Amino acid sequence: MLHSAWQQIRKSLRPEPIQDMETPFLPELRLERLSRLQESKNLLGLNLRSPTGSTLAGQHRSRQQGRGMELSEIRNYQPGDDIRLMDWKVTARTRRPHTKVFMEERERPAHLVVDLSASMLFGSLRSKAEQAANTAATLGWALSYRGDRCGGLVFNGEEARLIKPKARHKGLLPLLKTSCDLGLNITQAKSRSQTGRMNQVLRQIAVQPGHGSLIVLISDFWSLDLEDLSILTQLSRSHTLVAIQVSDVLERELPMGACFLTDGNQDFYYDGTKPAEQKRYRREFDLHRDALRQAIQKTRGHFISLSTHEKPTDKLKQFFARGSR
């Protein structure tokens, strides 16, 4: 596991079980509310070009087969295929006829992976789970209205549901509804699952057919491990990968004084009256965020840091306007 502030701080915390208390961080996820975010569909601009000049998945530009066309896959020749699209190099190497399959870039699939596991219950202004769903909706509407096929995967630590990318909101709306449904079940999953094993989720995305998809992971990434990074590296070879880390200001900066904390599974009493503890708490979060950014960049993915106090539209617009760093 990467640098985990909760793991470090927990060693010095005194457990204080809180009896008969419902979690105050249950996300208020409503399909109607997520649907209203389509009003921001034209605000992003979605200039998906990185500073180095390489293009992130989804930008409408010409490639090889005329304007707006993108190589999707190379497969065995089938009766009726255009002979002009034969891939002679692959045919010669395999001794079997192969043909290139192209698709319009505006129909490029986008997989939005939304983490609603127990740790995402945490939040001050709003929960991380709600912010993750808002971010998926904001980006999903923009991509969908532009013509891309949206779908993805939603998981809450116990259950994962895959929605295949489809055009004209036929994939996005089920994704948003699934986010609402699984969001309501986080408290039940909390008692039976310690962490949301992300590698199982990533493997479901990795086996999806085709190449050149846009894969956006929206999570706090507290459970990310080396196996996950290995899968992300494999994904980034064939797809464009964007990791959005959702965090809350209280994960970095606690108010002075004693308070109760939760990591989504256990509750703790924390004595924040000591400046040294405050400093250590803040340092551990910064180390985790920096380590996560470097790890994602090593996989050739792109990293966005998003707080629950920030507007997803503003952060996404800023990122896609300048590319990733």
C-alpha atoms as a PDB file:
ATOM      1  CA  MET A   1       0.000   0.000   0.000  1.00  0.00           C
ATOM      2  CA  LEU A   2       1.238   3.499  -0.776  1.00  0.00           C
ATOM      3  CA  HIS A   3       1.866   6.008   2.003  1.00  0.00           C
ATOM      4  CA  SER A   4      -1.280   5.808   4.135  1.00  0.00           C
ATOM      5  CA  ALA A   5      -1.827   8.634   6.596  1.00  0.00           C
ATOM      6  CA  TRP A   6      -4.523   6.628   8.313  1.00  0.00           C
ATOM      7  CA  GLN A   7      -2.137   3.707   8.799  1.00  0.00           C
ATOM      8  CA  GLN A   8       0.497   5.961  10.347  1.00  0.00           C
ATOM      9  CA  ILE A   9      -1.777   8.078  12.497  1.00  0.00           C
ATOM     10  CA  ARG A  10      -3.836   5.097  13.664  1.00  0.00           C
ATOM     11  CA  LYS A  11      -0.872   3.783  15.665  1.00  0.00           C
ATOM     12  CA  SER A  12      -1.155   6.707  18.062  1.00  0.00           C
ATOM     13  CA  LEU A  13      -4.945   6.870  18.200  1.00  0.00           C
ATOM     14  CA  ARG A  14      -7.049   5.476  21.027  1.00  0.00           C
ATOM     15  CA  PRO A  15     -10.020   3.465  19.692  1.00  0.00           C
ATOM     16  CA  GLU A  16     -13.348   4.673  21.049  1.00  0.00           C
ATOM     17  CA  PRO A  17     -16.243   2.639  19.596  1.00  0.00           C
ATOM     18  CA  ILE A  18     -19.232   4.826  18.878  1.00  0.00           C
ATOM     19  CA  GLN A  19     -22.407   2.953  19.756  1.00  0.00           C
ATOM     20  CA  ASP A  20     -25.766   3.290  17.991  1.00  0.00           C
ATOM     21  CA  MET A  21     -24.605   6.097  15.759  1.00  0.00           C
ATOM     22  CA  GLU A  22     -25.365   6.258  12.058  1.00  0.00           C
ATOM     23  CA  THR A  23     -22.505   7.505   9.934  1.00  0.00           C
ATOM     24  CA  PRO A  24     -22.816  11.257   9.239  1.00  0.00           C
ATOM     25  CA  PHE A  25     -21.068  10.822   5.892  1.00  0.00           C
ATOM     26  CA  LEU A  26     -23.695   8.869   3.955  1.00  0.00           C
ATOM     27  CA  PRO A  27     -23.601  10.491   0.493  1.00  0.00           C
ATOM     28  CA  GLU A  28     -26.740  12.195  -0.749  1.00  0.00           C
ATOM     29  CA  LEU A  29     -26.702  10.709  -4.228  1.00  0.00           C
ATOM     30  CA  ARG A  30     -29.789  11.401  -6.308  1.00  0.00           C
ATOM     31  CA  LEU A  31     -30.191  10.655 -10.003  1.00  0.00           C
ATOM     32  CA  GLU A  32     -32.114  13.893 -10.498  1.00  0.00           C
ATOM     33  CA  ARG A  33     -29.236  15.872  -9.026  1.00  0.00           C
ATOM     34  CA  LEU A  34     -26.630  14.095 -11.160  1.00  0.00           C
ATOM     35  CA  SER A  35     -28.784  14.590 -14.251  1.00  0.00           C
ATOM     36  CA  ARG A  36     -28.864  18.341 -13.671  1.00  0.00           C
ATOM     37  CA  LEU A  37     -25.090  18.409 -14.108  1.00  0.00           C
ATOM     38  CA  GLN A  38     -25.607  18.049 -17.861  1.00  0.00           C
ATOM     39  CA  GLU A  39     -25.962  21.830 -17.793  1.00  0.00           C
ATOM     40  CA  SER A  40     -22.153  21.925 -17.588  1.00  0.00           C
ATOM     41  CA  LYS A  41     -21.726  19.867 -20.761  1.00  0.00           C
ATOM     42  CA  ASN A  42     -20.395  22.833 -22.730  1.00  0.00           C
ATOM     43  CA  LEU A  43     -18.222  24.290 -19.974  1.00  0.00           C
ATOM     44  CA  LEU A  44     -15.315  21.880 -20.135  1.00  0.00           C
ATOM     45  CA  GLY A  45     -14.133  22.582 -23.654  1.00  0.00           C
ATOM     46  CA  LEU A  46     -12.310  19.241 -23.510  1.00  0.00           C
ATOM     47  CA  ASN A  47      -9.141  20.255 -25.294  1.00  0.00           C
ATOM     48  CA  LEU A  48      -7.562  16.896 -24.586  1.00  0.00           C
ATOM     49  CA  ARG A  49      -4.038  17.695 -25.706  1.00  0.00           C
ATOM     50  CA  SER A  50      -1.114  17.281 -23.350  1.00  0.00           C
ATOM     51  CA  PRO A  51       1.703  19.890 -23.141  1.00  0.00           C
ATOM     52  CA  THR A  52       4.056  17.511 -24.996  1.00  0.00           C
ATOM     53  CA  GLY A  53       1.774  17.469 -28.008  1.00  0.00           C
ATOM     54  CA  SER A  54       0.483  13.939 -27.555  1.00  0.00           C
ATOM     55  CA  THR A  55      -3.277  13.667 -27.661  1.00  0.00           C
ATOM     56  CA  LEU A  56      -5.391  12.189 -24.919  1.00  0.00           C
ATOM     57  CA  ALA A  57      -8.120   9.796 -25.944  1.00  0.00           C
ATOM     58  CA  GLY A  58     -11.285  11.419 -27.225  1.00  0.00           C
ATOM     59  CA  GLN A  59      -9.961  14.460 -29.062  1.00  0.00           C
ATOM     60  CA  HIS A  60     -11.419  14.747 -32.539  1.00  0.00           C
ATOM     61  CA  ARG A  61      -8.536  14.794 -34.964  1.00  0.00           C
ATOM     62  CA  SER A  62      -7.544  12.930 -38.104  1.00  0.00           C
ATOM     63  CA  ARG A  63      -5.413   9.803 -37.991  1.00  0.00           C
ATOM     64  CA  GLN A  64      -4.397   7.530 -40.883  1.00  0.00           C
ATOM     65  CA  GLN A  65      -7.807   6.907 -42.432  1.00  0.00           C
ATOM     66  CA  GLY A  66      -9.192  10.325 -43.028  1.00  0.00           C
ATOM     67  CA  ARG A  67     -10.749  12.979 -40.888  1.00  0.00           C
ATOM     68  CA  GLY A  68     -12.198  11.892 -37.578  1.00  0.00           C
ATOM     69  CA  MET A  69     -11.198   8.218 -37.887  1.00  0.00           C
ATOM     70  CA  GLU A  70      -9.180   6.245 -35.336  1.00  0.00           C
ATOM     71  CA  LEU A  71      -7.645   2.767 -35.474  1.00  0.00           C
ATOM     72  CA  SER A  72      -9.740   0.593 -33.156  1.00  0.00           C
ATOM     73  CA  GLU A  73      -8.242  -2.880 -33.570  1.00  0.00           C
ATOM     74  CA  ILE A  74      -6.565  -5.346 -35.915  1.00  0.00           C
ATOM     75  CA  ARG A  75      -8.492  -8.606 -36.305  1.00  0.00           C
ATOM     76  CA  ASN A  76      -8.755 -11.647 -38.557  1.00  0.00           C
ATOM     77  CA  TYR A  77     -10.109 -10.909 -42.014  1.00  0.00           C
ATOM     78  CA  GLN A  78     -13.835 -11.539 -42.371  1.00  0.00           C
ATOM     79  CA  PRO A  79     -15.838 -11.906 -45.608  1.00  0.00           C
ATOM     80  CA  GLY A  80     -16.973  -8.492 -46.748  1.00  0.00           C
ATOM     81  CA  ASP A  81     -14.058  -6.564 -45.199  1.00  0.00           C
ATOM     82  CA  ASP A  82     -12.527  -3.858 -47.385  1.00  0.00           C
ATOM     83  CA  ILE A  83      -9.326  -5.291 -48.864  1.00  0.00           C
ATOM     84  CA  ARG A  84      -7.817  -1.795 -48.825  1.00  0.00           C
ATOM     85  CA  LEU A  85      -7.732  -2.030 -45.032  1.00  0.00           C
ATOM     86  CA  MET A  86      -5.641  -5.197 -44.968  1.00  0.00           C
ATOM     87  CA  ASP A  87      -2.710  -5.100 -42.533  1.00  0.00           C
ATOM     88  CA  TRP A  88      -0.057  -6.779 -44.650  1.00  0.00           C
ATOM     89  CA  LYS A  89       2.639  -6.756 -41.969  1.00  0.00           C
ATOM     90  CA  VAL A  90       0.498  -8.650 -39.470  1.00  0.00           C
ATOM     91  CA  THR A  91      -0.753 -10.912 -42.262  1.00  0.00           C
ATOM     92  CA  ALA A  92       2.810 -11.811 -43.243  1.00  0.00           C
ATOM     93  CA  ARG A  93       3.901 -12.376 -39.660  1.00  0.00           C
ATOM     94  CA  THR A  94       0.950 -14.570 -38.675  1.00  0.00           C
ATOM     95  CA  ARG A  95       0.366 -16.110 -42.118  1.00  0.00           C
ATOM     96  CA  ARG A  96      -3.289 -15.332 -41.689  1.00  0.00           C
ATOM     97  CA  PRO A  97      -5.140 -12.404 -43.314  1.00  0.00           C
ATOM     98  CA  HIS A  98      -5.737  -9.518 -40.912  1.00  0.00           C
ATOM     99  CA  THR A  99      -7.595  -6.270 -41.450  1.00  0.00           C
ATOM    100  CA  LYS A 100      -7.651  -2.916 -39.684  1.00  0.00           C
ATOM    101  CA  VAL A 101     -10.868  -1.731 -38.065  1.00  0.00           C
ATOM    102  CA  PHE A 102     -11.429   2.002 -37.721  1.00  0.00           C
ATOM    103  CA  MET A 103     -14.041   3.995 -35.840  1.00  0.00           C
ATOM    104  CA  GLU A 104     -15.023   7.613 -35.608  1.00  0.00           C
ATOM    105  CA  GLU A 105     -13.208   9.270 -32.733  1.00  0.00           C
ATOM    106  CA  ARG A 106     -16.417  10.841 -31.527  1.00  0.00           C
ATOM    107  CA  GLU A 107     -17.607   7.308 -30.783  1.00  0.00           C
ATOM    108  CA  ARG A 108     -14.553   6.422 -28.754  1.00  0.00           C
ATOM    109  CA  PRO A 109     -15.506   4.600 -25.540  1.00  0.00           C
ATOM    110  CA  ALA A 110     -14.965   6.268 -22.186  1.00  0.00           C
ATOM    111  CA  HIS A 111     -14.880   4.163 -19.014  1.00  0.00           C
ATOM    112  CA  LEU A 112     -15.615   6.125 -15.827  1.00  0.00           C
ATOM    113  CA  VAL A 113     -14.609   4.069 -12.778  1.00  0.00           C
ATOM    114  CA  VAL A 114     -16.302   5.387  -9.618  1.00  0.00           C
ATOM    115  CA  ASP A 115     -15.108   4.289  -6.171  1.00  0.00           C
ATOM    116  CA  LEU A 116     -17.889   4.302  -3.570  1.00  0.00           C
ATOM    117  CA  SER A 117     -16.156   2.058  -1.030  1.00  0.00           C
ATOM    118  CA  ALA A 118     -16.245   2.687   2.715  1.00  0.00           C
ATOM    119  CA  SER A 119     -13.380   5.192   2.899  1.00  0.00           C
ATOM    120  CA  MET A 120     -15.272   7.402   0.448  1.00  0.00           C
ATOM    121  CA  LEU A 121     -17.913   8.062   3.113  1.00  0.00           C
ATOM    122  CA  PHE A 122     -15.598  10.620   4.683  1.00  0.00           C
ATOM    123  CA  GLY A 123     -16.165  14.305   4.039  1.00  0.00           C
ATOM    124  CA  SER A 124     -16.854  17.686   5.592  1.00  0.00           C
ATOM    125  CA  LEU A 125     -18.685  19.901   3.092  1.00  0.00           C
ATOM    126  CA  ARG A 126     -19.736  16.766   1.197  1.00  0.00           C
ATOM    127  CA  SER A 127     -18.586  13.163   1.193  1.00  0.00           C
ATOM    128  CA  LYS A 128     -15.879  11.958  -1.141  1.00  0.00           C
ATOM    129  CA  ALA A 129     -18.406   9.499  -2.586  1.00  0.00           C
ATOM    130  CA  GLU A 130     -20.761  12.314  -3.544  1.00  0.00           C
ATOM    131  CA  GLN A 131     -17.895  14.296  -5.058  1.00  0.00           C
ATOM    132  CA  ALA A 132     -16.794  11.243  -7.054  1.00  0.00           C
ATOM    133  CA  ALA A 133     -20.302  10.773  -8.448  1.00  0.00           C
ATOM    134  CA  ASN A 134     -20.566  14.489  -9.267  1.00  0.00           C
ATOM    135  CA  THR A 135     -17.232  14.347 -11.084  1.00  0.00           C
ATOM    136  CA  ALA A 136     -18.257  11.294 -13.093  1.00  0.00           C
ATOM    137  CA  ALA A 137     -21.534  12.983 -14.044  1.00  0.00           C
ATOM    138  CA  THR A 138     -19.871  16.269 -15.013  1.00  0.00           C
ATOM    139  CA  LEU A 139     -17.289  14.598 -17.231  1.00  0.00           C
ATOM    140  CA  GLY A 140     -19.726  11.998 -18.511  1.00  0.00           C
ATOM    141  CA  TRP A 141     -22.249  14.534 -19.760  1.00  0.00           C
ATOM    142  CA  ALA A 142     -19.538  16.504 -21.560  1.00  0.00           C
ATOM    143  CA  LEU A 143     -18.177  13.386 -23.259  1.00  0.00           C
ATOM    144  CA  SER A 144     -21.628  12.061 -24.091  1.00  0.00           C
ATOM    145  CA  TYR A 145     -22.864  15.287 -25.655  1.00  0.00           C
ATOM    146  CA  ARG A 146     -19.694  15.422 -27.714  1.00  0.00           C
ATOM    147  CA  GLY A 147     -20.530  12.030 -29.173  1.00  0.00           C
ATOM    148  CA  ASP A 148     -18.319   9.669 -27.174  1.00  0.00           C
ATOM    149  CA  ARG A 149     -19.731   6.411 -25.835  1.00  0.00           C
ATOM    150  CA  CYS A 150     -19.814   6.516 -22.034  1.00  0.00           C
ATOM    151  CA  GLY A 151     -19.948   3.686 -19.555  1.00  0.00           C
ATOM    152  CA  GLY A 152     -17.740   2.404 -16.798  1.00  0.00           C
ATOM    153  CA  LEU A 153     -17.781   0.624 -13.496  1.00  0.00           C
ATOM    154  CA  VAL A 154     -19.077   1.498 -10.028  1.00  0.00           C
ATOM    155  CA  PHE A 155     -18.006  -0.368  -6.895  1.00  0.00           C
ATOM    156  CA  ASN A 156     -18.667   0.059  -3.181  1.00  0.00           C
ATOM    157  CA  GLY A 157     -16.182  -2.372  -1.650  1.00  0.00           C
ATOM    158  CA  GLU A 158     -18.562  -5.306  -1.809  1.00  0.00           C
ATOM    159  CA  GLU A 159     -20.233  -5.116  -5.189  1.00  0.00           C
ATOM    160  CA  ALA A 160     -19.018  -3.928  -8.590  1.00  0.00           C
ATOM    161  CA  ARG A 161     -21.278  -3.260 -11.555  1.00  0.00           C
ATOM    162  CA  LEU A 162     -19.982  -2.889 -15.097  1.00  0.00           C
ATOM    163  CA  ILE A 163     -21.829  -0.699 -17.597  1.00  0.00           C
ATOM    164  CA  LYS A 164     -20.738  -1.067 -21.202  1.00  0.00           C
ATOM    165  CA  PRO A 165     -20.111   2.235 -23.032  1.00  0.00           C
ATOM    166  CA  LYS A 166     -23.028   3.294 -25.200  1.00  0.00           C
ATOM    167  CA  ALA A 167     -23.909   6.417 -27.166  1.00  0.00           C
ATOM    168  CA  ARG A 168     -26.660   8.993 -26.582  1.00  0.00           C
ATOM    169  CA  HIS A 169     -26.686   8.741 -22.785  1.00  0.00           C
ATOM    170  CA  LYS A 170     -27.669   5.041 -22.962  1.00  0.00           C
ATOM    171  CA  GLY A 171     -24.521   4.166 -21.061  1.00  0.00           C
ATOM    172  CA  LEU A 172     -24.130   7.269 -18.927  1.00  0.00           C
ATOM    173  CA  LEU A 173     -27.587   7.263 -17.326  1.00  0.00           C
ATOM    174  CA  PRO A 174     -27.276   3.636 -16.133  1.00  0.00           C
ATOM    175  CA  LEU A 175     -23.840   4.517 -14.750  1.00  0.00           C
ATOM    176  CA  LEU A 176     -25.273   7.428 -12.765  1.00  0.00           C
ATOM    177  CA  LYS A 177     -28.214   5.362 -11.540  1.00  0.00           C
ATOM    178  CA  THR A 178     -25.823   2.624 -10.442  1.00  0.00           C
ATOM    179  CA  SER A 179     -23.803   5.210  -8.522  1.00  0.00           C
ATOM    180  CA  CYS A 180     -26.948   6.208  -6.645  1.00  0.00           C
ATOM    181  CA  ASP A 181     -27.965   2.610  -5.964  1.00  0.00           C
ATOM    182  CA  LEU A 182     -24.573   1.447  -4.708  1.00  0.00           C
ATOM    183  CA  GLY A 183     -24.054   4.699  -2.815  1.00  0.00           C
ATOM    184  CA  LEU A 184     -27.035   3.886  -0.630  1.00  0.00           C
ATOM    185  CA  ASN A 185     -25.506   0.534   0.259  1.00  0.00           C
ATOM    186  CA  ILE A 186     -22.101   1.757   1.435  1.00  0.00           C
ATOM    187  CA  THR A 187     -23.004   1.447   5.107  1.00  0.00           C
ATOM    188  CA  GLN A 188     -24.025  -2.180   4.626  1.00  0.00           C
ATOM    189  CA  ALA A 189     -20.822  -2.937   2.702  1.00  0.00           C
ATOM    190  CA  LYS A 190     -18.834  -1.153   5.394  1.00  0.00           C
ATOM    191  CA  SER A 191     -19.470  -3.870   7.967  1.00  0.00           C
ATOM    192  CA  ARG A 192     -18.423  -6.699   5.662  1.00  0.00           C
ATOM    193  CA  SER A 193     -15.492  -5.317   3.681  1.00  0.00           C
ATOM    194  CA  GLN A 194     -12.369  -3.673   5.043  1.00  0.00           C
ATOM    195  CA  THR A 195     -11.178  -2.229   1.747  1.00  0.00           C
ATOM    196  CA  GLY A 196     -12.363  -1.987  -1.815  1.00  0.00           C
ATOM    197  CA  ARG A 197      -9.850  -4.144  -3.652  1.00  0.00           C
ATOM    198  CA  MET A 198      -9.220  -2.027  -6.709  1.00  0.00           C
ATOM    199  CA  ASN A 199      -7.207  -4.603  -8.655  1.00  0.00           C
ATOM    200  CA  GLN A 200     -10.333  -6.752  -9.056  1.00  0.00           C
ATOM    201  CA  VAL A 201     -12.106  -3.744 -10.505  1.00  0.00           C
ATOM    202  CA  LEU A 202      -9.219  -2.834 -12.803  1.00  0.00           C
ATOM    203  CA  ARG A 203      -9.065  -6.371 -14.155  1.00  0.00           C
ATOM    204  CA  GLN A 204     -12.679  -6.085 -15.265  1.00  0.00           C
ATOM    205  CA  ILE A 205     -11.791  -2.972 -17.242  1.00  0.00           C
ATOM    206  CA  ALA A 206      -8.612  -4.543 -18.632  1.00  0.00           C
ATOM    207  CA  VAL A 207     -10.482  -7.422 -20.281  1.00  0.00           C
ATOM    208  CA  GLN A 208     -12.841  -5.118 -22.179  1.00  0.00           C
ATOM    209  CA  PRO A 209     -12.294  -5.365 -25.960  1.00  0.00           C
ATOM    210  CA  GLY A 210     -10.779  -2.669 -28.120  1.00  0.00           C
ATOM    211  CA  HIS A 211      -8.037  -0.092 -27.756  1.00  0.00           C
ATOM    212  CA  GLY A 212      -7.799   3.670 -27.435  1.00  0.00           C
ATOM    213  CA  SER A 213     -10.430   4.140 -24.753  1.00  0.00           C
ATOM    214  CA  LEU A 214     -10.418   6.906 -22.176  1.00  0.00           C
ATOM    215  CA  ILE A 215     -10.280   5.364 -18.691  1.00  0.00           C
ATOM    216  CA  VAL A 216     -10.941   7.731 -15.777  1.00  0.00           C
ATOM    217  CA  LEU A 217     -10.468   6.433 -12.228  1.00  0.00           C
ATOM    218  CA  ILE A 218     -12.194   8.483  -9.511  1.00  0.00           C
ATOM    219  CA  SER A 219     -11.161   7.398  -6.017  1.00  0.00           C
ATOM    220  CA  ASP A 220      -9.252   8.376  -2.884  1.00  0.00           C
ATOM    221  CA  PHE A 221      -6.807   5.550  -3.742  1.00  0.00           C
ATOM    222  CA  TRP A 222      -6.157   4.643  -0.104  1.00  0.00           C
ATOM    223  CA  SER A 223      -6.197   0.941  -0.983  1.00  0.00           C
ATOM    224  CA  LEU A 224      -3.995   1.210  -4.083  1.00  0.00           C
ATOM    225  CA  ASP A 225      -1.105  -1.277  -4.051  1.00  0.00           C
ATOM    226  CA  LEU A 226       1.707  -2.511  -6.310  1.00  0.00           C
ATOM    227  CA  GLU A 227      -0.544  -5.031  -8.041  1.00  0.00           C
ATOM    228  CA  ASP A 228      -2.940  -2.229  -8.937  1.00  0.00           C
ATOM    229  CA  LEU A 229      -0.092  -0.173 -10.398  1.00  0.00           C
ATOM    230  CA  SER A 230       0.989  -3.111 -12.539  1.00  0.00           C
ATOM    231  CA  ILE A 231      -2.505  -3.340 -14.016  1.00  0.00           C
ATOM    232  CA  LEU A 232      -2.599   0.425 -14.568  1.00  0.00           C
ATOM    233  CA  THR A 233       0.683   0.212 -16.475  1.00  0.00           C
ATOM    234  CA  GLN A 234      -0.826  -2.426 -18.748  1.00  0.00           C
ATOM    235  CA  LEU A 235      -3.938  -0.323 -19.292  1.00  0.00           C
ATOM    236  CA  SER A 236      -1.967   2.799 -20.187  1.00  0.00           C
ATOM    237  CA  ARG A 237      -0.235   0.941 -23.023  1.00  0.00           C
ATOM    238  CA  SER A 238      -3.495   0.642 -24.950  1.00  0.00           C
ATOM    239  CA  HIS A 239      -5.671   3.362 -23.446  1.00  0.00           C
ATOM    240  CA  THR A 240      -5.501   6.867 -22.054  1.00  0.00           C
ATOM    241  CA  LEU A 241      -5.516   6.731 -18.265  1.00  0.00           C
ATOM    242  CA  VAL A 242      -6.602   9.574 -15.966  1.00  0.00           C
ATOM    243  CA  ALA A 243      -6.587   9.159 -12.170  1.00  0.00           C
ATOM    244  CA  ILE A 244      -8.619  11.653 -10.119  1.00  0.00           C
ATOM    245  CA  GLN A 245      -7.769  11.561  -6.416  1.00  0.00           C
ATOM    246  CA  VAL A 246     -10.694  12.785  -4.310  1.00  0.00           C
ATOM    247  CA  SER A 247      -9.735  14.063  -0.870  1.00  0.00           C
ATOM    248  CA  ASP A 248     -11.187  16.182   1.899  1.00  0.00           C
ATOM    249  CA  VAL A 249      -9.558  19.121   3.654  1.00  0.00           C
ATOM    250  CA  LEU A 250      -9.896  17.307   6.989  1.00  0.00           C
ATOM    251  CA  GLU A 251      -7.698  14.500   5.684  1.00  0.00           C
ATOM    252  CA  ARG A 252      -4.834  16.961   5.558  1.00  0.00           C
ATOM    253  CA  GLU A 253      -5.658  19.600   8.152  1.00  0.00           C
ATOM    254  CA  LEU A 254      -7.633  18.776  11.281  1.00  0.00           C
ATOM    255  CA  PRO A 255      -8.904  21.569  13.540  1.00  0.00           C
ATOM    256  CA  MET A 256      -7.073  21.961  16.829  1.00  0.00           C
ATOM    257  CA  GLY A 257      -8.614  19.974  19.640  1.00  0.00           C
ATOM    258  CA  ALA A 258      -9.953  16.508  20.274  1.00  0.00           C
ATOM    259  CA  CYS A 259     -12.319  14.891  17.797  1.00  0.00           C
ATOM    260  CA  PHE A 260     -13.646  11.599  16.474  1.00  0.00           C
ATOM    261  CA  LEU A 261     -12.304  10.233  13.182  1.00  0.00           C
ATOM    262  CA  THR A 262     -13.423   7.415  10.913  1.00  0.00           C
ATOM    263  CA  ASP A 263     -11.649   5.676   8.048  1.00  0.00           C
ATOM    264  CA  GLY A 264     -14.929   4.162   6.883  1.00  0.00           C
ATOM    265  CA  ASN A 265     -14.474   0.978   8.897  1.00  0.00           C
ATOM    266  CA  GLN A 266     -13.371   2.025  12.394  1.00  0.00           C
ATOM    267  CA  ASP A 267     -13.923   5.104  14.530  1.00  0.00           C
ATOM    268  CA  PHE A 268     -11.158   6.714  16.587  1.00  0.00           C
ATOM    269  CA  TYR A 269     -10.723   9.415  19.177  1.00  0.00           C
ATOM    270  CA  TYR A 270      -7.964  11.806  18.095  1.00  0.00           C
ATOM    271  CA  ASP A 271      -6.246  14.300  20.368  1.00  0.00           C
ATOM    272  CA  GLY A 272      -5.232  17.116  18.054  1.00  0.00           C
ATOM    273  CA  THR A 273      -4.180  19.532  20.767  1.00  0.00           C
ATOM    274  CA  LYS A 274      -0.508  18.731  20.118  1.00  0.00           C
ATOM    275  CA  PRO A 275       1.063  20.787  17.284  1.00  0.00           C
ATOM    276  CA  ALA A 276       3.492  17.956  16.538  1.00  0.00           C
ATOM    277  CA  GLU A 277       0.598  15.586  15.854  1.00  0.00           C
ATOM    278  CA  GLN A 278      -1.014  18.150  13.579  1.00  0.00           C
ATOM    279  CA  LYS A 279       2.220  18.545  11.634  1.00  0.00           C
ATOM    280  CA  ARG A 280       2.740  14.790  11.339  1.00  0.00           C
ATOM    281  CA  TYR A 281      -0.839  14.295  10.195  1.00  0.00           C
ATOM    282  CA  ARG A 282      -0.428  16.929   7.473  1.00  0.00           C
ATOM    283  CA  ARG A 283       2.958  15.556   6.375  1.00  0.00           C
ATOM    284  CA  GLU A 284       1.648  12.001   5.993  1.00  0.00           C
ATOM    285  CA  PHE A 285      -1.169  13.140   3.728  1.00  0.00           C
ATOM    286  CA  ASP A 286       1.203  15.171   1.536  1.00  0.00           C
ATOM    287  CA  LEU A 287       3.558  12.202   1.260  1.00  0.00           C
ATOM    288  CA  HIS A 288       0.727   9.931   0.194  1.00  0.00           C
ATOM    289  CA  ARG A 289      -0.555  12.379  -2.417  1.00  0.00           C
ATOM    290  CA  ASP A 290       2.919  12.986  -3.866  1.00  0.00           C
ATOM    291  CA  ALA A 291       3.700   9.259  -3.927  1.00  0.00           C
ATOM    292  CA  LEU A 292       0.405   8.595  -5.680  1.00  0.00           C
ATOM    293  CA  ARG A 293       1.052  11.284  -8.290  1.00  0.00           C
ATOM    294  CA  GLN A 294       4.513   9.907  -9.045  1.00  0.00           C
ATOM    295  CA  ALA A 295       3.221   6.334  -9.205  1.00  0.00           C
ATOM    296  CA  ILE A 296       0.446   7.253 -11.649  1.00  0.00           C
ATOM    297  CA  GLN A 297       2.844   9.232 -13.817  1.00  0.00           C
ATOM    298  CA  LYS A 298       5.236   6.266 -13.928  1.00  0.00           C
ATOM    299  CA  THR A 299       2.427   4.223 -15.447  1.00  0.00           C
ATOM    300  CA  ARG A 300       2.199   6.968 -18.122  1.00  0.00           C
ATOM    301  CA  GLY A 301      -1.148   7.975 -16.710  1.00  0.00           C
ATOM    302  CA  HIS A 302      -2.396  11.464 -15.869  1.00  0.00           C
ATOM    303  CA  PHE A 303      -3.128  12.699 -12.351  1.00  0.00           C
ATOM    304  CA  ILE A 304      -5.712  15.156 -10.988  1.00  0.00           C
ATOM    305  CA  SER A 305      -6.060  16.111  -7.322  1.00  0.00           C
ATOM    306  CA  LEU A 306      -9.616  17.135  -6.405  1.00  0.00           C
ATOM    307  CA  SER A 307     -10.895  18.243  -3.000  1.00  0.00           C
ATOM    308  CA  THR A 308     -14.497  17.896  -1.883  1.00  0.00           C
ATOM    309  CA  HIS A 309     -14.491  21.696  -1.503  1.00  0.00           C
ATOM    310  CA  GLU A 310     -13.667  22.241  -5.181  1.00  0.00           C
ATOM    311  CA  LYS A 311     -16.030  22.346  -8.141  1.00  0.00           C
ATOM    312  CA  PRO A 312     -15.387  19.389 -10.458  1.00  0.00           C
ATOM    313  CA  THR A 313     -16.179  21.546 -13.491  1.00  0.00           C
ATOM    314  CA  ASP A 314     -13.454  24.058 -12.626  1.00  0.00           C
ATOM    315  CA  LYS A 315     -10.812  21.398 -11.988  1.00  0.00           C
ATOM    316  CA  LEU A 316     -11.662  19.363 -15.080  1.00  0.00           C
ATOM    317  CA  LYS A 317     -11.747  22.427 -17.287  1.00  0.00           C
ATOM    318  CA  GLN A 318      -8.346  23.502 -15.983  1.00  0.00           C
ATOM    319  CA  PHE A 319      -6.844  20.061 -16.538  1.00  0.00           C
ATOM    320  CA  PHE A 320      -8.170  19.404 -20.022  1.00  0.00           C
ATOM    321  CA  ALA A 321      -7.386  22.932 -21.175  1.00  0.00           C
ATOM    322  CA  ARG A 322      -3.689  22.605 -20.380  1.00  0.00           C
ATOM    323  CA  GLY A 323      -3.212  18.832 -20.565  1.00  0.00           C
ATOM    324  CA  SER A 324      -1.763  16.870 -17.649  1.00  0.00           C
ATOM    325  CA  ARG A 325       1.289  17.414 -15.508  1.00  0.00           C
END
